[in-house]
């Protein structure tokens, strides 16, 4: 059997480890394909034939393989895939393989296997998955967190029989060609995203719908009732539909979703509330980095607080972030576009009336500026800079001026880019870490 692993990141490495141990793939010729020419291949036993093709020609001659496992970052809709699929090449993924292995265990095992909970949405997946896992663990249940967050799915197979629940954070790329659905599906807010890799919005929403499409009537699917796309996706499932109407349209709505699923799983209310109270959130998601205390002329305590929301990689996520604050905001945004429309940021700024200035950097700064100028808020200052360092410096200067000129006793500087990071950074986490380093290096005069 000739096998290709397309994309050799975290999931690709996990897949190679699995294939080397699997009787199903014994004797297979494995080829690792990746666009990055600098990737290092881990050492392997001599009886495994492992080769690689890196660099710009990594997608050539895919038809020679019997099966290709694509990483989530490689869209199923690639023309090369569709051509080779017609020629008889099987296109799979680590996610698909995980569910196939799970099905095999279900047929073979007399022991009860864990309940699989799948969580998807454009934003909020990591927060909801982590909080739900913490609630379930507080009740004494054994939980494994995997997928986009936590361990790669194939890595957890050896321990899966010991778990009561497996929570999977599932992206549109993992769901794109998945013909299986979890016992419990959760659909968070869904809005346009990843149009740089999905062919159309319809195809993006269709990928999300696979989380419930193959459920049974005895399964359950939760969705946000105030999000039309979330509702539409949920209603493609034959399972029991459970709507969740959040009290507020901020990122805290994901806490409400985690709590609702926990109640469905018979977790006690005191445990749920205590876990939410102690939940500090995830890194790069509205993460408080630092507050620089200052004193105004009338001896009031005032401060400038810096928040890292680098995981906000689309306009709707940034709109949510803006709605999460009650103090004046200086917004830092920009990067690489994934969507063509930045109207959600403009609408959030217009409605909140709290954003005093926007500092834009990155490849799409002019695109965002055009969207913001359409709201005709002549008091809103929009400034363009060349990099994140300049953005932080300028935002801090504006915040100090606002404190000097007014009686505001708190200013928020918010990095919420509304964009991908790949124009200047490795990923959103790299961007967030660099922002935090810059903020921590600021001197308080």
Foldseek 3Di string as FASTA:
>chain_A
DEEEEEDCDQQSVLVVVLLVPDPVNPPYAYEYFEQDPPDDDDDDDPSHHYYYDYHDCRLPPPLVGQEYAYELVAACPPPSNVVSVVVRRHYHHLLQVLVVVVVVCVVPDPQDFAAEEEEEAPDLLVVLLVLLQQLCVVVVFFEAEEEPPHHDSSVCVVVRSVGNYYYYYDYLSSQLPHQDATLEYEYEYYDDFQVVRDVDPVSSLVSVLSNAQNYDQQGEYEFAPVHVSRVVSRVNHNYHYHYDHAPDLASCSSLVVSLVVVVVVVRDPVSSVVSVVPDQTDAQCQHWQDWQWDAAPVGDIAIEIEGRNLVQAALQNVLNVLVVDDAAEEEEAEEADSDQDNLSNLVSCVVNVRHQEYEYEYDCLVSNVVNNCVVVPVRYHYHYDHDDLVSVVVSVVVVVVVVHVDVGRYYYYYYNHNRWHVRPAPGSVRVRVVNSVSVVPDDRD
